[in-house]
Amino acid sequence: MTRLLLTAVLALGLAPLSAARQAATDWNSLTQRLETATLADDSTTLKAVRADLLRMLAAGPPADRVTLVHYAIAYAGWRLATSPSLGEREQDGMLDEAEGHLKEALKMDSKFAEAHALLSGVYGLKIAHSSIRGMTLGSRSSAAVDEAMKLEPDNPRVLLSKGIGKFNTPWMFGGSAKEAEELLKKAVDRFAREPADKPWPNWGRFDVHAWLGQMAAKRGDKAGARAEYTKALEVAPQSGWIRYVLMPALGNK
């Protein structure tokens, strides 16, 4: 009887551990698929991963991962909102959903710097889709990324978000191409210090070079832009944005 009781106790103790390991495996697999699809411009897989993340959230992930699941769903929506395979209405819906999930994440953890930074990016895309929204969302975008900078000023994704915002904001509202480039170059340095196998979120190495290339192109430095786009392609060789949009825009010289 004692042996049976001991076996039962051990089984009860091991079951939650096994479930926790399975949850961790599922999470790692989902985030790997998420980033692989992002870098390959694979909107079909992105949608599928987003659906899996929504199911994970509905099923009730471990308490310490709920905010990250909200963040990952928002990240997927933010990426999909730039995909040419989605219509304008669907893109707007993705951004609205992303905003909602990030706000939920921040209700749970107001010091989640990456959620503040991504929320700024979501607002930025909403403005890009409709410039009239800048009157209300511009200040929200700035406030979100400024809060992220206060919390984690050396986080490369926070620096990336701040730099993109500075680049896209008109100078009369605080934008600055010079400051934007400085922020992104600092982000490159911080990415170099961040382990490549850091637990997710660890995205952004592609984006920082894509945006530095656009900044170089805007000031007429085609060679510099091409060099940055080449670095971006080293991270994401299948990127259609770089291969078929940004590179061709430089011309043949």
C-alpha atoms as a PDB file:
ATOM      1  CA  MET A   1       0.000   0.000   0.000  1.00  0.00           C
ATOM      2  CA  THR A   2       2.801   2.386   0.903  1.00  0.00           C
ATOM      3  CA  ARG A   3       4.456   1.712  -2.430  1.00  0.00           C
ATOM      4  CA  LEU A   4       1.181   2.360  -4.249  1.00  0.00           C
ATOM      5  CA  LEU A   5       0.687   5.633  -2.404  1.00  0.00           C
ATOM      6  CA  LEU A   6       4.225   6.687  -3.202  1.00  0.00           C
ATOM      7  CA  THR A   7       3.691   5.867  -6.863  1.00  0.00           C
ATOM      8  CA  ALA A   8       0.493   7.911  -6.912  1.00  0.00           C
ATOM      9  CA  VAL A   9       2.179  10.891  -5.265  1.00  0.00           C
ATOM     10  CA  LEU A  10       5.042  10.768  -7.728  1.00  0.00           C
ATOM     11  CA  ALA A  11       2.624  10.550 -10.618  1.00  0.00           C
ATOM     12  CA  LEU A  12       0.722  13.564  -9.359  1.00  0.00           C
ATOM     13  CA  GLY A  13       3.949  15.468  -9.019  1.00  0.00           C
ATOM     14  CA  LEU A  14       5.222  14.547 -12.450  1.00  0.00           C
ATOM     15  CA  ALA A  15       2.037  15.296 -14.372  1.00  0.00           C
ATOM     16  CA  PRO A  16       2.173  19.083 -13.938  1.00  0.00           C
ATOM     17  CA  LEU A  17       5.893  19.036 -14.740  1.00  0.00           C
ATOM     18  CA  SER A  18       5.223  17.143 -17.951  1.00  0.00           C
ATOM     19  CA  ALA A  19       2.469  19.590 -18.875  1.00  0.00           C
ATOM     20  CA  ALA A  20       4.796  22.509 -18.165  1.00  0.00           C
ATOM     21  CA  ARG A  21       7.479  21.002 -20.383  1.00  0.00           C
ATOM     22  CA  GLN A  22       4.957  20.439 -23.150  1.00  0.00           C
ATOM     23  CA  ALA A  23       3.751  24.046 -22.860  1.00  0.00           C
ATOM     24  CA  ALA A  24       7.338  25.298 -23.094  1.00  0.00           C
ATOM     25  CA  THR A  25       7.948  23.119 -26.149  1.00  0.00           C
ATOM     26  CA  ASP A  26       4.774  24.381 -27.827  1.00  0.00           C
ATOM     27  CA  TRP A  27       5.704  27.987 -27.058  1.00  0.00           C
ATOM     28  CA  ASN A  28       9.240  27.633 -28.412  1.00  0.00           C
ATOM     29  CA  SER A  29       7.943  25.947 -31.560  1.00  0.00           C
ATOM     30  CA  LEU A  30       5.316  28.636 -32.138  1.00  0.00           C
ATOM     31  CA  THR A  31       7.701  31.546 -31.709  1.00  0.00           C
ATOM     32  CA  GLN A  32      10.269  29.899 -34.002  1.00  0.00           C
ATOM     33  CA  ARG A  33       7.603  29.433 -36.669  1.00  0.00           C
ATOM     34  CA  LEU A  34       6.420  32.990 -36.110  1.00  0.00           C
ATOM     35  CA  GLU A  35       9.828  34.498 -36.757  1.00  0.00           C
ATOM     36  CA  THR A  36      10.677  32.151 -39.626  1.00  0.00           C
ATOM     37  CA  ALA A  37       7.426  33.123 -41.361  1.00  0.00           C
ATOM     38  CA  THR A  38       8.082  36.815 -40.704  1.00  0.00           C
ATOM     39  CA  LEU A  39      11.526  36.719 -42.288  1.00  0.00           C
ATOM     40  CA  ALA A  40      10.217  34.766 -45.287  1.00  0.00           C
ATOM     41  CA  ASP A  41       7.245  37.101 -45.909  1.00  0.00           C
ATOM     42  CA  ASP A  42       5.043  34.029 -45.433  1.00  0.00           C
ATOM     43  CA  SER A  43       1.649  35.491 -44.551  1.00  0.00           C
ATOM     44  CA  THR A  44      -0.087  32.091 -44.746  1.00  0.00           C
ATOM     45  CA  THR A  45       2.088  30.639 -41.997  1.00  0.00           C
ATOM     46  CA  LEU A  46       1.881  33.868 -40.018  1.00  0.00           C
ATOM     47  CA  LYS A  47      -1.905  33.583 -39.999  1.00  0.00           C
ATOM     48  CA  ALA A  48      -1.681  29.951 -38.947  1.00  0.00           C
ATOM     49  CA  VAL A  49       0.703  30.739 -36.074  1.00  0.00           C
ATOM     50  CA  ARG A  50      -1.517  33.610 -34.973  1.00  0.00           C
ATOM     51  CA  ALA A  51      -4.476  31.218 -34.882  1.00  0.00           C
ATOM     52  CA  ASP A  52      -2.435  28.750 -32.802  1.00  0.00           C
ATOM     53  CA  LEU A  53      -1.472  31.524 -30.391  1.00  0.00           C
ATOM     54  CA  LEU A  54      -5.107  32.530 -30.016  1.00  0.00           C
ATOM     55  CA  ARG A  55      -5.970  28.909 -29.206  1.00  0.00           C
ATOM     56  CA  MET A  56      -3.121  28.796 -26.682  1.00  0.00           C
ATOM     57  CA  LEU A  57      -4.479  31.922 -25.011  1.00  0.00           C
ATOM     58  CA  ALA A  58      -8.012  30.508 -24.912  1.00  0.00           C
ATOM     59  CA  ALA A  59      -6.746  27.246 -23.399  1.00  0.00           C
ATOM     60  CA  GLY A  60      -4.992  29.124 -20.606  1.00  0.00           C
ATOM     61  CA  PRO A  61      -1.178  29.237 -20.843  1.00  0.00           C
ATOM     62  CA  PRO A  62       0.976  29.263 -17.695  1.00  0.00           C
ATOM     63  CA  ALA A  63       0.408  32.443 -15.692  1.00  0.00           C
ATOM     64  CA  ASP A  64       3.951  33.663 -16.290  1.00  0.00           C
ATOM     65  CA  ARG A  65       3.471  33.461 -20.051  1.00  0.00           C
ATOM     66  CA  VAL A  66       0.076  35.112 -20.575  1.00  0.00           C
ATOM     67  CA  THR A  67       1.521  38.568 -21.237  1.00  0.00           C
ATOM     68  CA  LEU A  68       3.983  37.123 -23.769  1.00  0.00           C
ATOM     69  CA  VAL A  69       1.193  35.285 -25.599  1.00  0.00           C
ATOM     70  CA  HIS A  70      -0.771  38.540 -25.864  1.00  0.00           C
ATOM     71  CA  TYR A  71       2.409  40.198 -27.133  1.00  0.00           C
ATOM     72  CA  ALA A  72       3.072  37.449 -29.693  1.00  0.00           C
ATOM     73  CA  ILE A  73      -0.485  37.689 -31.071  1.00  0.00           C
ATOM     74  CA  ALA A  74      -0.054  41.455 -31.391  1.00  0.00           C
ATOM     75  CA  TYR A  75       3.325  40.991 -33.070  1.00  0.00           C
ATOM     76  CA  ALA A  76       1.827  38.616 -35.638  1.00  0.00           C
ATOM     77  CA  GLY A  77      -0.961  41.081 -36.375  1.00  0.00           C
ATOM     78  CA  TRP A  78       1.485  43.964 -36.683  1.00  0.00           C
ATOM     79  CA  ARG A  79       3.527  42.001 -39.199  1.00  0.00           C
ATOM     80  CA  LEU A  80       0.454  40.918 -41.157  1.00  0.00           C
ATOM     81  CA  ALA A  81      -0.738  44.535 -41.350  1.00  0.00           C
ATOM     82  CA  THR A  82       2.109  45.247 -43.784  1.00  0.00           C
ATOM     83  CA  SER A  83       1.482  42.187 -45.963  1.00  0.00           C
ATOM     84  CA  PRO A  84       0.290  42.956 -49.507  1.00  0.00           C
ATOM     85  CA  SER A  85      -1.655  39.688 -49.431  1.00  0.00           C
ATOM     86  CA  LEU A  86      -4.156  41.249 -47.004  1.00  0.00           C
ATOM     87  CA  GLY A  87      -6.733  43.830 -47.998  1.00  0.00           C
ATOM     88  CA  GLU A  88      -6.873  47.214 -46.298  1.00  0.00           C
ATOM     89  CA  ARG A  89      -9.821  46.304 -44.096  1.00  0.00           C
ATOM     90  CA  GLU A  90      -8.145  43.111 -42.897  1.00  0.00           C
ATOM     91  CA  GLN A  91      -4.901  44.975 -42.209  1.00  0.00           C
ATOM     92  CA  ASP A  92      -6.787  47.544 -40.127  1.00  0.00           C
ATOM     93  CA  GLY A  93      -8.484  44.729 -38.241  1.00  0.00           C
ATOM     94  CA  MET A  94      -5.113  43.183 -37.440  1.00  0.00           C
ATOM     95  CA  LEU A  95      -3.884  46.489 -36.040  1.00  0.00           C
ATOM     96  CA  ASP A  96      -7.004  46.968 -33.923  1.00  0.00           C
ATOM     97  CA  GLU A  97      -6.605  43.464 -32.534  1.00  0.00           C
ATOM     98  CA  ALA A  98      -2.887  44.026 -31.896  1.00  0.00           C
ATOM     99  CA  GLU A  99      -3.643  47.206 -29.972  1.00  0.00           C
ATOM    100  CA  GLY A 100      -6.143  45.340 -27.818  1.00  0.00           C
ATOM    101  CA  HIS A 101      -3.762  42.513 -26.978  1.00  0.00           C
ATOM    102  CA  LEU A 102      -0.931  44.886 -26.107  1.00  0.00           C
ATOM    103  CA  LYS A 103      -3.202  46.857 -23.801  1.00  0.00           C
ATOM    104  CA  GLU A 104      -4.187  43.599 -22.096  1.00  0.00           C
ATOM    105  CA  ALA A 105      -0.515  42.690 -21.689  1.00  0.00           C
ATOM    106  CA  LEU A 106       0.217  46.096 -20.178  1.00  0.00           C
ATOM    107  CA  LYS A 107      -2.692  45.779 -17.746  1.00  0.00           C
ATOM    108  CA  MET A 108      -0.945  42.676 -16.431  1.00  0.00           C
ATOM    109  CA  ASP A 109       2.558  44.158 -16.522  1.00  0.00           C
ATOM    110  CA  SER A 110       2.829  47.922 -16.908  1.00  0.00           C
ATOM    111  CA  LYS A 111       6.631  47.627 -16.948  1.00  0.00           C
ATOM    112  CA  PHE A 112       6.704  45.399 -20.042  1.00  0.00           C
ATOM    113  CA  ALA A 113       8.910  47.708 -22.109  1.00  0.00           C
ATOM    114  CA  GLU A 114       8.680  45.684 -25.313  1.00  0.00           C
ATOM    115  CA  ALA A 115       4.877  45.850 -25.225  1.00  0.00           C
ATOM    116  CA  HIS A 116       5.018  49.650 -24.906  1.00  0.00           C
ATOM    117  CA  ALA A 117       7.445  49.785 -27.854  1.00  0.00           C
ATOM    118  CA  LEU A 118       5.347  47.503 -30.055  1.00  0.00           C
ATOM    119  CA  LEU A 119       2.215  49.477 -29.186  1.00  0.00           C
ATOM    120  CA  SER A 120       4.018  52.560 -30.465  1.00  0.00           C
ATOM    121  CA  GLY A 121       4.723  50.674 -33.692  1.00  0.00           C
ATOM    122  CA  VAL A 122       1.070  49.648 -34.008  1.00  0.00           C
ATOM    123  CA  TYR A 123      -0.002  53.278 -33.674  1.00  0.00           C
ATOM    124  CA  GLY A 124       2.652  54.211 -36.221  1.00  0.00           C
ATOM    125  CA  LEU A 125       1.233  51.767 -38.774  1.00  0.00           C
ATOM    126  CA  LYS A 126      -2.275  53.029 -38.141  1.00  0.00           C
ATOM    127  CA  ILE A 127      -1.047  56.527 -38.968  1.00  0.00           C
ATOM    128  CA  ALA A 128       0.710  55.202 -42.088  1.00  0.00           C
ATOM    129  CA  HIS A 129      -2.601  53.687 -43.209  1.00  0.00           C
ATOM    130  CA  SER A 130      -4.447  56.955 -42.621  1.00  0.00           C
ATOM    131  CA  SER A 131      -2.446  60.139 -42.010  1.00  0.00           C
ATOM    132  CA  ILE A 132      -5.449  61.898 -40.444  1.00  0.00           C
ATOM    133  CA  ARG A 133      -5.056  59.542 -37.476  1.00  0.00           C
ATOM    134  CA  GLY A 134      -1.763  61.253 -36.713  1.00  0.00           C
ATOM    135  CA  MET A 135      -3.685  64.034 -34.986  1.00  0.00           C
ATOM    136  CA  THR A 136      -4.737  61.651 -32.219  1.00  0.00           C
ATOM    137  CA  LEU A 137      -2.398  58.682 -32.470  1.00  0.00           C
ATOM    138  CA  GLY A 138       0.873  60.568 -32.942  1.00  0.00           C
ATOM    139  CA  SER A 139       1.035  61.600 -29.292  1.00  0.00           C
ATOM    140  CA  ARG A 140       0.018  58.098 -28.156  1.00  0.00           C
ATOM    141  CA  SER A 141       2.770  56.542 -30.243  1.00  0.00           C
ATOM    142  CA  SER A 142       5.366  58.924 -28.817  1.00  0.00           C
ATOM    143  CA  ALA A 143       4.176  58.390 -25.240  1.00  0.00           C
ATOM    144  CA  ALA A 144       4.302  54.608 -25.612  1.00  0.00           C
ATOM    145  CA  VAL A 145       7.854  54.465 -26.949  1.00  0.00           C
ATOM    146  CA  ASP A 146       9.044  57.103 -24.466  1.00  0.00           C
ATOM    147  CA  GLU A 147       7.727  54.911 -21.653  1.00  0.00           C
ATOM    148  CA  ALA A 148       9.564  51.948 -23.157  1.00  0.00           C
ATOM    149  CA  MET A 149      12.774  53.993 -23.285  1.00  0.00           C
ATOM    150  CA  LYS A 150      12.412  54.910 -19.609  1.00  0.00           C
ATOM    151  CA  LEU A 151      12.034  51.252 -18.690  1.00  0.00           C
ATOM    152  CA  GLU A 152      14.691  49.687 -20.949  1.00  0.00           C
ATOM    153  CA  PRO A 153      16.822  52.318 -22.728  1.00  0.00           C
ATOM    154  CA  ASP A 154      19.308  49.711 -23.980  1.00  0.00           C
ATOM    155  CA  ASN A 155      16.769  47.221 -25.338  1.00  0.00           C
ATOM    156  CA  PRO A 156      17.493  46.951 -29.091  1.00  0.00           C
ATOM    157  CA  ARG A 157      13.814  46.584 -30.059  1.00  0.00           C
ATOM    158  CA  VAL A 158      12.920  49.642 -27.999  1.00  0.00           C
ATOM    159  CA  LEU A 159      15.705  51.609 -29.704  1.00  0.00           C
ATOM    160  CA  LEU A 160      14.494  50.307 -33.075  1.00  0.00           C
ATOM    161  CA  SER A 161      10.935  51.474 -32.395  1.00  0.00           C
ATOM    162  CA  LYS A 162      12.110  54.869 -31.197  1.00  0.00           C
ATOM    163  CA  GLY A 163      14.317  55.267 -34.271  1.00  0.00           C
ATOM    164  CA  ILE A 164      11.574  54.311 -36.730  1.00  0.00           C
ATOM    165  CA  GLY A 165       9.241  56.755 -35.022  1.00  0.00           C
ATOM    166  CA  LYS A 166      11.772  59.570 -35.241  1.00  0.00           C
ATOM    167  CA  PHE A 167      12.335  58.847 -38.921  1.00  0.00           C
ATOM    168  CA  ASN A 168       8.642  58.797 -39.819  1.00  0.00           C
ATOM    169  CA  THR A 169       7.563  61.782 -37.710  1.00  0.00           C
ATOM    170  CA  PRO A 170       7.563  65.194 -39.438  1.00  0.00           C
ATOM    171  CA  TRP A 171      10.265  67.485 -38.062  1.00  0.00           C
ATOM    172  CA  MET A 172       7.703  70.022 -36.807  1.00  0.00           C
ATOM    173  CA  PHE A 173       6.335  67.322 -34.491  1.00  0.00           C
ATOM    174  CA  GLY A 174       9.708  66.184 -33.199  1.00  0.00           C
ATOM    175  CA  GLY A 175      10.980  63.980 -35.995  1.00  0.00           C
ATOM    176  CA  SER A 176      14.664  63.908 -36.876  1.00  0.00           C
ATOM    177  CA  ALA A 177      16.472  61.776 -39.468  1.00  0.00           C
ATOM    178  CA  LYS A 178      19.776  62.374 -37.654  1.00  0.00           C
ATOM    179  CA  GLU A 179      18.436  61.217 -34.288  1.00  0.00           C
ATOM    180  CA  ALA A 180      16.694  58.281 -35.975  1.00  0.00           C
ATOM    181  CA  GLU A 181      19.944  57.054 -37.493  1.00  0.00           C
ATOM    182  CA  GLU A 182      21.799  57.435 -34.205  1.00  0.00           C
ATOM    183  CA  LEU A 183      19.135  55.389 -32.428  1.00  0.00           C
ATOM    184  CA  LEU A 184      19.240  52.630 -35.020  1.00  0.00           C
ATOM    185  CA  LYS A 185      23.028  52.458 -34.987  1.00  0.00           C
ATOM    186  CA  LYS A 186      22.850  52.101 -31.225  1.00  0.00           C
ATOM    187  CA  ALA A 187      20.285  49.339 -31.742  1.00  0.00           C
ATOM    188  CA  VAL A 188      22.734  47.516 -34.060  1.00  0.00           C
ATOM    189  CA  ASP A 189      25.318  47.640 -31.273  1.00  0.00           C
ATOM    190  CA  ARG A 190      22.821  46.334 -28.702  1.00  0.00           C
ATOM    191  CA  PHE A 191      21.700  43.553 -31.031  1.00  0.00           C
ATOM    192  CA  ALA A 192      25.350  42.472 -31.319  1.00  0.00           C
ATOM    193  CA  ARG A 193      25.447  42.127 -27.533  1.00  0.00           C
ATOM    194  CA  GLU A 194      22.194  40.176 -27.350  1.00  0.00           C
ATOM    195  CA  PRO A 195      22.578  36.375 -27.629  1.00  0.00           C
ATOM    196  CA  ALA A 196      21.229  35.076 -30.924  1.00  0.00           C
ATOM    197  CA  ASP A 197      19.401  32.324 -29.022  1.00  0.00           C
ATOM    198  CA  LYS A 198      17.867  34.676 -26.458  1.00  0.00           C
ATOM    199  CA  PRO A 199      14.339  33.585 -25.494  1.00  0.00           C
ATOM    200  CA  TRP A 200      11.710  35.271 -27.626  1.00  0.00           C
ATOM    201  CA  PRO A 201      11.098  38.146 -28.246  1.00  0.00           C
ATOM    202  CA  ASN A 202      14.446  38.466 -29.973  1.00  0.00           C
ATOM    203  CA  TRP A 203      13.411  39.836 -33.363  1.00  0.00           C
ATOM    204  CA  GLY A 204      14.633  43.010 -35.065  1.00  0.00           C
ATOM    205  CA  ARG A 205      18.037  42.286 -36.578  1.00  0.00           C
ATOM    206  CA  PHE A 206      16.512  42.320 -40.054  1.00  0.00           C
ATOM    207  CA  ASP A 207      14.411  45.425 -39.428  1.00  0.00           C
ATOM    208  CA  VAL A 208      17.223  47.597 -38.149  1.00  0.00           C
ATOM    209  CA  HIS A 209      19.234  47.194 -41.364  1.00  0.00           C
ATOM    210  CA  ALA A 210      16.160  47.617 -43.562  1.00  0.00           C
ATOM    211  CA  TRP A 211      15.427  50.942 -41.897  1.00  0.00           C
ATOM    212  CA  LEU A 212      19.032  52.115 -41.870  1.00  0.00           C
ATOM    213  CA  GLY A 213      19.039  51.425 -45.602  1.00  0.00           C
ATOM    214  CA  GLN A 214      15.956  53.575 -46.099  1.00  0.00           C
ATOM    215  CA  MET A 215      17.555  56.383 -44.148  1.00  0.00           C
ATOM    216  CA  ALA A 216      20.685  56.199 -46.306  1.00  0.00           C
ATOM    217  CA  ALA A 217      18.557  56.145 -49.467  1.00  0.00           C
ATOM    218  CA  LYS A 218      16.610  59.199 -48.354  1.00  0.00           C
ATOM    219  CA  ARG A 219      19.776  61.259 -48.030  1.00  0.00           C
ATOM    220  CA  GLY A 220      21.013  60.045 -51.419  1.00  0.00           C
ATOM    221  CA  ASP A 221      23.580  57.517 -50.229  1.00  0.00           C
ATOM    222  CA  LYS A 222      22.704  54.632 -52.557  1.00  0.00           C
ATOM    223  CA  ALA A 223      25.882  52.680 -51.797  1.00  0.00           C
ATOM    224  CA  GLY A 224      25.211  52.933 -48.076  1.00  0.00           C
ATOM    225  CA  ALA A 225      21.595  51.908 -48.572  1.00  0.00           C
ATOM    226  CA  ARG A 226      22.583  48.908 -50.693  1.00  0.00           C
ATOM    227  CA  ALA A 227      25.084  47.827 -48.024  1.00  0.00           C
ATOM    228  CA  GLU A 228      22.400  47.943 -45.328  1.00  0.00           C
ATOM    229  CA  TYR A 229      19.893  46.074 -47.492  1.00  0.00           C
ATOM    230  CA  THR A 230      22.527  43.404 -48.116  1.00  0.00           C
ATOM    231  CA  LYS A 231      22.948  42.993 -44.358  1.00  0.00           C
ATOM    232  CA  ALA A 232      19.177  42.700 -44.012  1.00  0.00           C
ATOM    233  CA  LEU A 233      19.164  39.951 -46.639  1.00  0.00           C
ATOM    234  CA  GLU A 234      21.809  38.067 -44.690  1.00  0.00           C
ATOM    235  CA  VAL A 235      19.197  37.743 -41.941  1.00  0.00           C
ATOM    236  CA  ALA A 236      16.187  37.263 -44.226  1.00  0.00           C
ATOM    237  CA  PRO A 237      17.303  36.038 -47.672  1.00  0.00           C
ATOM    238  CA  GLN A 238      13.706  35.599 -48.877  1.00  0.00           C
ATOM    239  CA  SER A 239      12.507  39.084 -47.993  1.00  0.00           C
ATOM    240  CA  GLY A 240      10.378  40.346 -50.849  1.00  0.00           C
ATOM    241  CA  TRP A 241      10.333  43.825 -49.319  1.00  0.00           C
ATOM    242  CA  ILE A 242      14.100  44.128 -49.734  1.00  0.00           C
ATOM    243  CA  ARG A 243      14.474  42.228 -53.013  1.00  0.00           C
ATOM    244  CA  TYR A 244      11.522  43.593 -54.948  1.00  0.00           C
ATOM    245  CA  VAL A 245      10.769  46.972 -53.369  1.00  0.00           C
ATOM    246  CA  LEU A 246      13.700  48.613 -51.595  1.00  0.00           C
ATOM    247  CA  MET A 247      16.624  47.359 -53.711  1.00  0.00           C
ATOM    248  CA  PRO A 248      14.969  48.179 -57.084  1.00  0.00           C
ATOM    249  CA  ALA A 249      14.127  51.660 -55.801  1.00  0.00           C
ATOM    250  CA  LEU A 250      17.859  52.405 -55.704  1.00  0.00           C
ATOM    251  CA  GLY A 251      18.247  51.911 -59.454  1.00  0.00           C
ATOM    252  CA  ASN A 252      21.190  50.241 -61.149  1.00  0.00           C
ATOM    253  CA  LYS A 253      23.918  52.643 -60.095  1.00  0.00           C
END
